[in-house]
Amino acid sequence: MWATHTRGSGDANAGDVPRRPGRLVRNLASALVFACVVTGSVWGGDDDFPFAPFRMYSTTTNPSGTVIMPHFEGVTASGTRLRVETEELGLRTAEVLGQMKRFRRAPWLLGRLAETHAADANTPPDSRLVELSLVQGIHDLEDGRPHGYSEEIVSVWRER
């Protein structure tokens, strides 16, 4: 129950109102949250959640469009080619998709990912990567069903 005080000298229950400091704090907190939500809705992005819309999954794919799925392909020092999943490099698929242009412009960033892969305790010593490629798998859809598949190499890093 709220702490109350009475106005005047009448009945103890007549005129009970919440204390002003508590009401003021609640009103200010509500106004602040409302301002954050409005500001986030207009200018915010996924990083501002929960004060902005979470747009990552708010779009749909055209049933006759394409779906892009990135993956990495590496070559070890012994010459073995292997597929490296994004999670093995400490990334999520959405992060790779969001940085695709950056990887295209700066292939040396793939070298940093290769270093991360080598530093992972689960990576065998003979699996050190001397080459790492970012590849986007392009799944073609027709009426919502798979219709074709192709790959495009986005960026390649080679150890010097």
N, C-alpha and C. Protein backbone atom coordinates (compact mmCIF):
# COMPACT_ATOMS: atom_id res chain seq x y z
N MET A 1 0.84 -1.18 0.00
CA MET A 1 0.00 0.00 0.00
C MET A 1 0.88 1.24 0.00
N TRP A 2 0.40 2.28 -0.63
CA TRP A 2 1.14 3.54 -0.67
C TRP A 2 1.13 4.23 0.68
N ALA A 3 2.20 4.92 0.95
CA ALA A 3 2.21 5.79 2.13
C ALA A 3 1.36 7.00 1.79
N THR A 4 0.53 7.40 2.71
CA THR A 4 -0.39 8.50 2.41
C THR A 4 -0.32 9.57 3.49
N HIS A 5 -0.85 10.68 3.13
CA HIS A 5 -1.06 11.73 4.12
C HIS A 5 -2.42 12.34 3.84
N THR A 6 -2.97 13.00 4.80
CA THR A 6 -4.31 13.57 4.62
C THR A 6 -4.21 15.07 4.53
N ARG A 7 -5.16 15.61 3.81
CA ARG A 7 -5.26 17.06 3.72
C ARG A 7 -6.33 17.53 4.70
N GLY A 8 -6.05 18.53 5.37
CA GLY A 8 -7.04 19.10 6.27
C GLY A 8 -7.21 18.27 7.54
N SER A 9 -8.29 18.54 8.22
CA SER A 9 -8.49 17.89 9.52
C SER A 9 -9.71 17.00 9.54
N GLY A 10 -10.18 16.54 8.41
CA GLY A 10 -11.40 15.73 8.37
C GLY A 10 -11.12 14.27 8.63
N ASP A 11 -11.98 13.43 8.06
CA ASP A 11 -11.88 11.97 8.19
C ASP A 11 -10.51 11.51 7.72
N ALA A 12 -9.93 10.52 8.39
CA ALA A 12 -8.58 10.04 8.06
C ALA A 12 -8.52 9.44 6.66
N ASN A 13 -9.62 8.90 6.13
CA ASN A 13 -9.61 8.30 4.80
C ASN A 13 -9.97 9.28 3.70
N ALA A 14 -10.51 10.39 4.06
CA ALA A 14 -10.92 11.37 3.04
C ALA A 14 -9.70 12.12 2.55
N GLY A 15 -9.56 12.20 1.24
CA GLY A 15 -8.49 12.99 0.66
C GLY A 15 -7.14 12.32 0.67
N ASP A 16 -7.08 10.99 0.88
CA ASP A 16 -5.79 10.29 0.84
C ASP A 16 -5.21 10.38 -0.56
N VAL A 17 -3.98 10.81 -0.67
CA VAL A 17 -3.29 10.89 -1.97
C VAL A 17 -1.88 10.37 -1.79
N PRO A 18 -1.30 9.80 -2.83
CA PRO A 18 0.10 9.37 -2.72
C PRO A 18 1.00 10.56 -2.44
N ARG A 19 2.08 10.32 -1.76
CA ARG A 19 3.03 11.40 -1.47
C ARG A 19 3.62 11.91 -2.76
N ARG A 20 3.83 13.18 -2.84
CA ARG A 20 4.31 13.82 -4.06
C ARG A 20 5.69 13.35 -4.52
N PRO A 21 6.67 13.16 -3.65
CA PRO A 21 7.98 12.73 -4.15
C PRO A 21 7.91 11.38 -4.89
N GLY A 22 7.13 10.44 -4.38
CA GLY A 22 6.99 9.14 -5.04
C GLY A 22 6.31 9.27 -6.40
N ARG A 23 5.28 10.07 -6.45
CA ARG A 23 4.57 10.29 -7.72
C ARG A 23 5.50 10.97 -8.72
N LEU A 24 6.26 11.94 -8.27
CA LEU A 24 7.19 12.65 -9.15
C LEU A 24 8.23 11.70 -9.73
N VAL A 25 8.79 10.83 -8.89
CA VAL A 25 9.80 9.88 -9.35
C VAL A 25 9.20 8.93 -10.39
N ARG A 26 8.01 8.40 -10.12
CA ARG A 26 7.37 7.49 -11.08
C ARG A 26 7.05 8.20 -12.39
N ASN A 27 6.57 9.42 -12.32
CA ASN A 27 6.25 10.17 -13.54
C ASN A 27 7.51 10.48 -14.35
N LEU A 28 8.58 10.86 -13.66
CA LEU A 28 9.84 11.13 -14.37
C LEU A 28 10.40 9.86 -15.01
N ALA A 29 10.34 8.74 -14.29
CA ALA A 29 10.82 7.47 -14.85
C ALA A 29 10.00 7.08 -16.07
N SER A 30 8.68 7.24 -15.99
CA SER A 30 7.82 6.92 -17.13
C SER A 30 8.13 7.82 -18.32
N ALA A 31 8.33 9.10 -18.06
CA ALA A 31 8.65 10.04 -19.15
C ALA A 31 9.99 9.70 -19.78
N LEU A 32 10.97 9.32 -18.97
CA LEU A 32 12.29 8.95 -19.49
C LEU A 32 12.20 7.71 -20.38
N VAL A 33 11.50 6.67 -19.91
CA VAL A 33 11.34 5.45 -20.72
C VAL A 33 10.60 5.78 -22.01
N PHE A 34 9.54 6.57 -21.93
CA PHE A 34 8.78 6.96 -23.13
C PHE A 34 9.68 7.71 -24.11
N ALA A 35 10.49 8.64 -23.62
CA ALA A 35 11.40 9.40 -24.50
C ALA A 35 12.42 8.47 -25.15
N CYS A 36 12.94 7.52 -24.40
CA CYS A 36 13.91 6.56 -24.96
C CYS A 36 13.27 5.71 -26.04
N VAL A 37 12.05 5.25 -25.82
CA VAL A 37 11.36 4.41 -26.81
C VAL A 37 11.07 5.22 -28.08
N VAL A 38 10.59 6.44 -27.94
CA VAL A 38 10.30 7.27 -29.12
C VAL A 38 11.59 7.58 -29.88
N THR A 39 12.63 7.98 -29.17
CA THR A 39 13.91 8.28 -29.81
C THR A 39 14.47 7.04 -30.50
N GLY A 40 14.44 5.91 -29.82
CA GLY A 40 14.94 4.67 -30.40
C GLY A 40 14.15 4.22 -31.61
N SER A 41 12.84 4.44 -31.58
CA SER A 41 12.00 4.05 -32.72
C SER A 41 12.30 4.88 -33.96
N VAL A 42 12.67 6.13 -33.77
CA VAL A 42 12.95 7.01 -34.90
C VAL A 42 14.38 6.83 -35.40
N TRP A 43 15.35 6.82 -34.50
CA TRP A 43 16.76 6.81 -34.92
C TRP A 43 17.52 5.54 -34.55
N GLY A 44 16.93 4.68 -33.75
CA GLY A 44 17.65 3.53 -33.22
C GLY A 44 17.77 2.35 -34.17
N GLY A 45 18.61 1.43 -33.79
CA GLY A 45 18.81 0.19 -34.55
C GLY A 45 18.85 -0.99 -33.59
N ASP A 46 19.25 -2.14 -34.11
CA ASP A 46 19.28 -3.36 -33.31
C ASP A 46 20.12 -3.22 -32.05
N ASP A 47 21.20 -2.46 -32.10
CA ASP A 47 22.08 -2.32 -30.93
C ASP A 47 21.42 -1.54 -29.80
N ASP A 48 20.34 -0.82 -30.09
CA ASP A 48 19.67 -0.01 -29.07
C ASP A 48 18.49 -0.72 -28.42
N PHE A 49 18.29 -2.00 -28.76
CA PHE A 49 17.21 -2.77 -28.17
C PHE A 49 17.40 -2.81 -26.65
N PRO A 50 16.42 -2.65 -25.81
CA PRO A 50 14.98 -2.72 -26.04
C PRO A 50 14.31 -1.37 -26.29
N PHE A 51 15.10 -0.32 -26.48
CA PHE A 51 14.50 1.00 -26.73
C PHE A 51 14.34 1.29 -28.21
N ALA A 52 14.60 0.32 -29.05
CA ALA A 52 14.43 0.48 -30.50
C ALA A 52 13.94 -0.85 -31.05
N PRO A 53 13.34 -0.82 -32.22
CA PRO A 53 12.84 -2.06 -32.81
C PRO A 53 13.99 -3.02 -33.11
N PHE A 54 13.74 -4.29 -32.93
CA PHE A 54 14.72 -5.32 -33.24
C PHE A 54 14.45 -5.75 -34.67
N ARG A 55 15.17 -5.16 -35.62
CA ARG A 55 14.86 -5.33 -37.04
C ARG A 55 15.51 -6.55 -37.69
N MET A 56 16.39 -7.25 -36.97
CA MET A 56 17.14 -8.33 -37.60
C MET A 56 16.22 -9.34 -38.28
N TYR A 57 15.10 -9.68 -37.65
CA TYR A 57 14.21 -10.68 -38.20
C TYR A 57 12.89 -10.08 -38.67
N SER A 58 12.86 -8.79 -38.92
CA SER A 58 11.60 -8.14 -39.27
C SER A 58 11.36 -8.08 -40.77
N THR A 59 12.21 -8.69 -41.56
CA THR A 59 12.01 -8.68 -43.00
C THR A 59 11.73 -10.08 -43.50
N THR A 60 11.21 -10.17 -44.69
CA THR A 60 10.94 -11.47 -45.29
C THR A 60 11.73 -11.60 -46.58
N THR A 61 11.87 -12.83 -47.03
CA THR A 61 12.55 -13.11 -48.29
C THR A 61 11.50 -13.33 -49.36
N ASN A 62 11.73 -12.75 -50.51
CA ASN A 62 10.84 -12.97 -51.64
C ASN A 62 10.79 -14.46 -51.94
N PRO A 63 9.60 -15.06 -52.08
CA PRO A 63 9.51 -16.49 -52.36
C PRO A 63 10.21 -16.92 -53.64
N SER A 64 10.46 -15.98 -54.54
CA SER A 64 11.21 -16.28 -55.76
C SER A 64 12.50 -15.47 -55.80
N GLY A 65 13.10 -15.27 -54.65
CA GLY A 65 14.33 -14.49 -54.53
C GLY A 65 15.53 -15.37 -54.22
N THR A 66 16.47 -14.81 -53.47
CA THR A 66 17.67 -15.54 -53.10
C THR A 66 17.91 -15.42 -51.59
N VAL A 67 18.59 -16.41 -51.06
CA VAL A 67 19.00 -16.41 -49.65
C VAL A 67 20.52 -16.55 -49.64
N ILE A 68 21.20 -15.65 -48.95
CA ILE A 68 22.66 -15.66 -48.87
C ILE A 68 23.08 -16.28 -47.54
N MET A 69 23.94 -17.27 -47.60
CA MET A 69 24.49 -17.91 -46.40
C MET A 69 26.00 -17.92 -46.50
N PRO A 70 26.68 -17.13 -45.67
CA PRO A 70 28.15 -17.09 -45.74
C PRO A 70 28.79 -18.27 -45.02
N HIS A 71 29.95 -18.64 -45.49
CA HIS A 71 30.80 -19.60 -44.78
C HIS A 71 32.24 -19.31 -45.16
N PHE A 72 33.14 -19.93 -44.46
CA PHE A 72 34.56 -19.72 -44.72
C PHE A 72 35.18 -21.02 -45.20
N GLU A 73 36.16 -20.90 -46.06
CA GLU A 73 36.94 -22.05 -46.51
C GLU A 73 38.40 -21.74 -46.24
N GLY A 74 39.08 -22.70 -45.65
CA GLY A 74 40.47 -22.49 -45.28
C GLY A 74 41.38 -23.53 -45.89
N VAL A 75 42.66 -23.19 -45.94
CA VAL A 75 43.71 -24.12 -46.36
C VAL A 75 44.72 -24.14 -45.22
N THR A 76 45.03 -25.36 -44.76
CA THR A 76 45.99 -25.50 -43.66
C THR A 76 47.41 -25.47 -44.19
N ALA A 77 48.37 -25.41 -43.29
CA ALA A 77 49.79 -25.39 -43.67
C ALA A 77 50.18 -26.66 -44.42
N SER A 78 49.48 -27.76 -44.17
CA SER A 78 49.78 -29.01 -44.87
C SER A 78 49.06 -29.11 -46.22
N GLY A 79 48.26 -28.09 -46.56
CA GLY A 79 47.57 -28.08 -47.86
C GLY A 79 46.16 -28.64 -47.83
N THR A 80 45.68 -29.03 -46.69
CA THR A 80 44.32 -29.57 -46.57
C THR A 80 43.30 -28.44 -46.66
N ARG A 81 42.29 -28.63 -47.52
CA ARG A 81 41.20 -27.66 -47.65
C ARG A 81 40.09 -28.07 -46.68
N LEU A 82 39.53 -27.09 -45.99
CA LEU A 82 38.45 -27.41 -45.08
C LEU A 82 37.45 -26.27 -45.00
N ARG A 83 36.24 -26.64 -44.66
CA ARG A 83 35.19 -25.64 -44.46
C ARG A 83 35.24 -25.21 -42.99
N VAL A 84 35.22 -23.92 -42.76
CA VAL A 84 35.28 -23.37 -41.40
C VAL A 84 33.97 -22.64 -41.15
N GLU A 85 33.23 -23.11 -40.17
CA GLU A 85 31.95 -22.49 -39.85
C GLU A 85 32.18 -21.17 -39.12
N THR A 86 31.23 -20.26 -39.26
CA THR A 86 31.36 -18.93 -38.65
C THR A 86 31.56 -19.03 -37.14
N GLU A 87 30.89 -19.98 -36.51
CA GLU A 87 30.99 -20.13 -35.06
C GLU A 87 32.40 -20.52 -34.63
N GLU A 88 33.12 -21.24 -35.48
CA GLU A 88 34.49 -21.63 -35.16
C GLU A 88 35.42 -20.41 -35.11
N LEU A 89 34.99 -19.32 -35.72
CA LEU A 89 35.79 -18.09 -35.74
C LEU A 89 35.28 -17.07 -34.72
N GLY A 90 34.32 -17.50 -33.89
CA GLY A 90 33.79 -16.61 -32.87
C GLY A 90 32.77 -15.62 -33.40
N LEU A 91 32.16 -15.92 -34.54
CA LEU A 91 31.18 -15.01 -35.14
C LEU A 91 29.84 -15.71 -35.29
N ARG A 92 28.81 -14.89 -35.46
CA ARG A 92 27.49 -15.41 -35.82
C ARG A 92 27.25 -15.08 -37.28
N THR A 93 26.40 -15.85 -37.92
CA THR A 93 26.10 -15.65 -39.34
C THR A 93 25.63 -14.21 -39.60
N ALA A 94 24.77 -13.69 -38.74
CA ALA A 94 24.26 -12.32 -38.94
C ALA A 94 25.39 -11.29 -38.89
N GLU A 95 26.39 -11.53 -38.04
CA GLU A 95 27.53 -10.61 -37.97
C GLU A 95 28.33 -10.62 -39.26
N VAL A 96 28.52 -11.81 -39.83
CA VAL A 96 29.26 -11.91 -41.09
C VAL A 96 28.47 -11.23 -42.20
N LEU A 97 27.17 -11.47 -42.26
CA LEU A 97 26.34 -10.83 -43.30
C LEU A 97 26.42 -9.31 -43.18
N GLY A 98 26.40 -8.80 -41.96
CA GLY A 98 26.46 -7.36 -41.75
C GLY A 98 27.80 -6.74 -42.10
N GLN A 99 28.86 -7.55 -42.11
CA GLN A 99 30.21 -7.04 -42.38
C GLN A 99 30.74 -7.47 -43.76
N MET A 100 29.88 -8.00 -44.61
CA MET A 100 30.31 -8.52 -45.91
C MET A 100 31.08 -7.48 -46.73
N LYS A 101 30.58 -6.27 -46.81
CA LYS A 101 31.27 -5.22 -47.59
C LYS A 101 32.63 -4.90 -46.98
N ARG A 102 32.69 -4.91 -45.68
CA ARG A 102 33.96 -4.62 -44.99
C ARG A 102 35.00 -5.69 -45.29
N PHE A 103 34.59 -6.96 -45.26
CA PHE A 103 35.52 -8.05 -45.60
C PHE A 103 35.97 -7.95 -47.05
N ARG A 104 35.07 -7.51 -47.93
CA ARG A 104 35.42 -7.37 -49.35
C ARG A 104 36.49 -6.28 -49.53
N ARG A 105 36.34 -5.18 -48.80
CA ARG A 105 37.29 -4.06 -48.91
C ARG A 105 38.60 -4.31 -48.18
N ALA A 106 38.56 -5.12 -47.14
CA ALA A 106 39.76 -5.31 -46.29
C ALA A 106 40.00 -6.80 -46.03
N PRO A 107 40.55 -7.52 -47.02
CA PRO A 107 40.78 -8.96 -46.85
C PRO A 107 41.69 -9.30 -45.67
N TRP A 108 42.54 -8.37 -45.24
CA TRP A 108 43.44 -8.64 -44.12
C TRP A 108 42.67 -8.98 -42.85
N LEU A 109 41.39 -8.57 -42.77
CA LEU A 109 40.58 -8.91 -41.60
C LEU A 109 40.40 -10.42 -41.48
N LEU A 110 40.39 -11.11 -42.62
CA LEU A 110 40.30 -12.57 -42.59
C LEU A 110 41.53 -13.16 -41.91
N GLY A 111 42.67 -12.50 -42.06
CA GLY A 111 43.89 -12.95 -41.37
C GLY A 111 43.72 -12.91 -39.86
N ARG A 112 43.03 -11.89 -39.37
CA ARG A 112 42.75 -11.81 -37.93
C ARG A 112 41.86 -12.97 -37.49
N LEU A 113 40.90 -13.33 -38.35
CA LEU A 113 40.04 -14.46 -38.02
C LEU A 113 40.83 -15.77 -38.03
N ALA A 114 41.78 -15.88 -38.95
CA ALA A 114 42.64 -17.07 -38.99
C ALA A 114 43.46 -17.17 -37.70
N GLU A 115 43.92 -16.04 -37.19
CA GLU A 115 44.65 -16.02 -35.92
C GLU A 115 43.75 -16.47 -34.77
N THR A 116 42.51 -16.02 -34.80
CA THR A 116 41.53 -16.42 -33.78
C THR A 116 41.32 -17.93 -33.83
N HIS A 117 41.20 -18.44 -35.04
CA HIS A 117 41.01 -19.89 -35.23
C HIS A 117 42.20 -20.66 -34.67
N ALA A 118 43.41 -20.20 -34.94
CA ALA A 118 44.62 -20.88 -34.47
C ALA A 118 44.74 -20.83 -32.95
N ALA A 119 44.26 -19.74 -32.34
CA ALA A 119 44.37 -19.57 -30.89
C ALA A 119 43.34 -20.38 -30.12
N ASP A 120 42.32 -20.88 -30.81
CA ASP A 120 41.27 -21.66 -30.15
C ASP A 120 41.85 -22.97 -29.63
N ALA A 121 41.55 -23.29 -28.39
CA ALA A 121 42.09 -24.51 -27.76
C ALA A 121 41.59 -25.78 -28.45
N ASN A 122 40.45 -25.70 -29.14
CA ASN A 122 39.90 -26.88 -29.82
C ASN A 122 40.50 -27.11 -31.20
N THR A 123 41.31 -26.18 -31.68
CA THR A 123 41.91 -26.32 -33.01
C THR A 123 43.20 -27.13 -32.90
N PRO A 124 43.27 -28.25 -33.63
CA PRO A 124 44.52 -29.04 -33.61
C PRO A 124 45.69 -28.22 -34.14
N PRO A 125 46.90 -28.45 -33.62
CA PRO A 125 48.07 -27.67 -34.04
C PRO A 125 48.36 -27.74 -35.54
N ASP A 126 48.03 -28.86 -36.18
CA ASP A 126 48.31 -28.99 -37.61
C ASP A 126 47.22 -28.36 -38.48
N SER A 127 46.24 -27.69 -37.87
CA SER A 127 45.15 -27.06 -38.62
C SER A 127 45.32 -25.55 -38.74
N ARG A 128 46.51 -25.04 -38.52
CA ARG A 128 46.76 -23.60 -38.66
C ARG A 128 46.46 -23.20 -40.10
N LEU A 129 45.68 -22.15 -40.27
CA LEU A 129 45.27 -21.72 -41.61
C LEU A 129 46.31 -20.80 -42.24
N VAL A 130 46.64 -21.08 -43.48
CA VAL A 130 47.54 -20.20 -44.24
C VAL A 130 46.76 -19.45 -45.31
N GLU A 131 45.50 -19.83 -45.48
CA GLU A 131 44.61 -19.14 -46.42
C GLU A 131 43.20 -19.25 -45.87
N LEU A 132 42.46 -18.16 -45.97
CA LEU A 132 41.06 -18.15 -45.52
C LEU A 132 40.25 -17.35 -46.52
N SER A 133 39.17 -17.95 -46.99
CA SER A 133 38.28 -17.30 -47.96
C SER A 133 36.90 -17.15 -47.35
N LEU A 134 36.29 -16.01 -47.60
CA LEU A 134 34.89 -15.80 -47.25
C LEU A 134 34.07 -16.08 -48.50
N VAL A 135 33.16 -17.02 -48.38
CA VAL A 135 32.35 -17.45 -49.52
C VAL A 135 30.89 -17.23 -49.17
N GLN A 136 30.13 -16.69 -50.12
CA GLN A 136 28.70 -16.59 -49.88
C GLN A 136 28.00 -17.62 -50.75
N GLY A 137 27.24 -18.48 -50.09
CA GLY A 137 26.42 -19.46 -50.79
C GLY A 137 25.11 -18.78 -51.17
N ILE A 138 24.75 -18.86 -52.43
CA ILE A 138 23.55 -18.19 -52.92
C ILE A 138 22.52 -19.26 -53.26
N HIS A 139 21.47 -19.31 -52.45
CA HIS A 139 20.39 -20.27 -52.66
C HIS A 139 19.28 -19.56 -53.42
N ASP A 140 19.01 -20.00 -54.64
CA ASP A 140 17.92 -19.43 -55.43
C ASP A 140 16.61 -20.12 -55.06
N LEU A 141 15.56 -19.33 -54.93
CA LEU A 141 14.24 -19.85 -54.59
C LEU A 141 13.28 -19.60 -55.74
N GLU A 142 12.36 -20.51 -55.92
CA GLU A 142 11.28 -20.32 -56.88
C GLU A 142 10.01 -20.80 -56.19
N ASP A 143 9.08 -19.89 -56.00
CA ASP A 143 7.84 -20.17 -55.26
C ASP A 143 8.13 -20.76 -53.87
N GLY A 144 9.17 -20.26 -53.23
CA GLY A 144 9.50 -20.67 -51.88
C GLY A 144 10.26 -21.97 -51.76
N ARG A 145 10.59 -22.58 -52.89
CA ARG A 145 11.33 -23.85 -52.87
C ARG A 145 12.72 -23.66 -53.46
N PRO A 146 13.70 -24.44 -52.97
CA PRO A 146 15.05 -24.33 -53.54
C PRO A 146 15.04 -24.63 -55.04
N HIS A 147 15.73 -23.78 -55.79
CA HIS A 147 15.73 -23.94 -57.24
C HIS A 147 17.15 -24.05 -57.80
N GLY A 148 18.11 -23.56 -57.07
CA GLY A 148 19.49 -23.62 -57.53
C GLY A 148 20.44 -23.13 -56.46
N TYR A 149 21.71 -23.39 -56.67
CA TYR A 149 22.72 -22.98 -55.70
C TYR A 149 23.99 -22.59 -56.45
N SER A 150 24.58 -21.49 -56.00
CA SER A 150 25.88 -21.08 -56.55
C SER A 150 26.68 -20.45 -55.41
N GLU A 151 27.96 -20.27 -55.65
CA GLU A 151 28.83 -19.66 -54.65
C GLU A 151 29.62 -18.53 -55.27
N GLU A 152 29.90 -17.54 -54.45
CA GLU A 152 30.73 -16.42 -54.87
C GLU A 152 31.78 -16.18 -53.80
N ILE A 153 33.03 -16.08 -54.21
CA ILE A 153 34.10 -15.77 -53.26
C ILE A 153 34.08 -14.26 -53.03
N VAL A 154 33.90 -13.88 -51.79
CA VAL A 154 33.81 -12.47 -51.42
C VAL A 154 35.19 -11.88 -51.20
N SER A 155 36.04 -12.63 -50.49
CA SER A 155 37.35 -12.12 -50.12
C SER A 155 38.28 -13.28 -49.80
N VAL A 156 39.59 -13.08 -50.05
CA VAL A 156 40.58 -14.12 -49.78
C VAL A 156 41.77 -13.49 -49.06
N TRP A 157 42.24 -14.16 -48.01
CA TRP A 157 43.47 -13.77 -47.31
C TRP A 157 44.45 -14.92 -47.43
N ARG A 158 45.69 -14.61 -47.74
CA ARG A 158 46.75 -15.62 -47.79
C ARG A 158 47.90 -15.15 -46.90
N GLU A 159 48.45 -16.09 -46.14
CA GLU A 159 49.59 -15.78 -45.29
C GLU A 159 50.80 -15.47 -46.17
N ARG A 160 51.57 -14.48 -45.77
CA ARG A 160 52.75 -14.09 -46.57
C ARG A 160 53.98 -14.78 -46.07
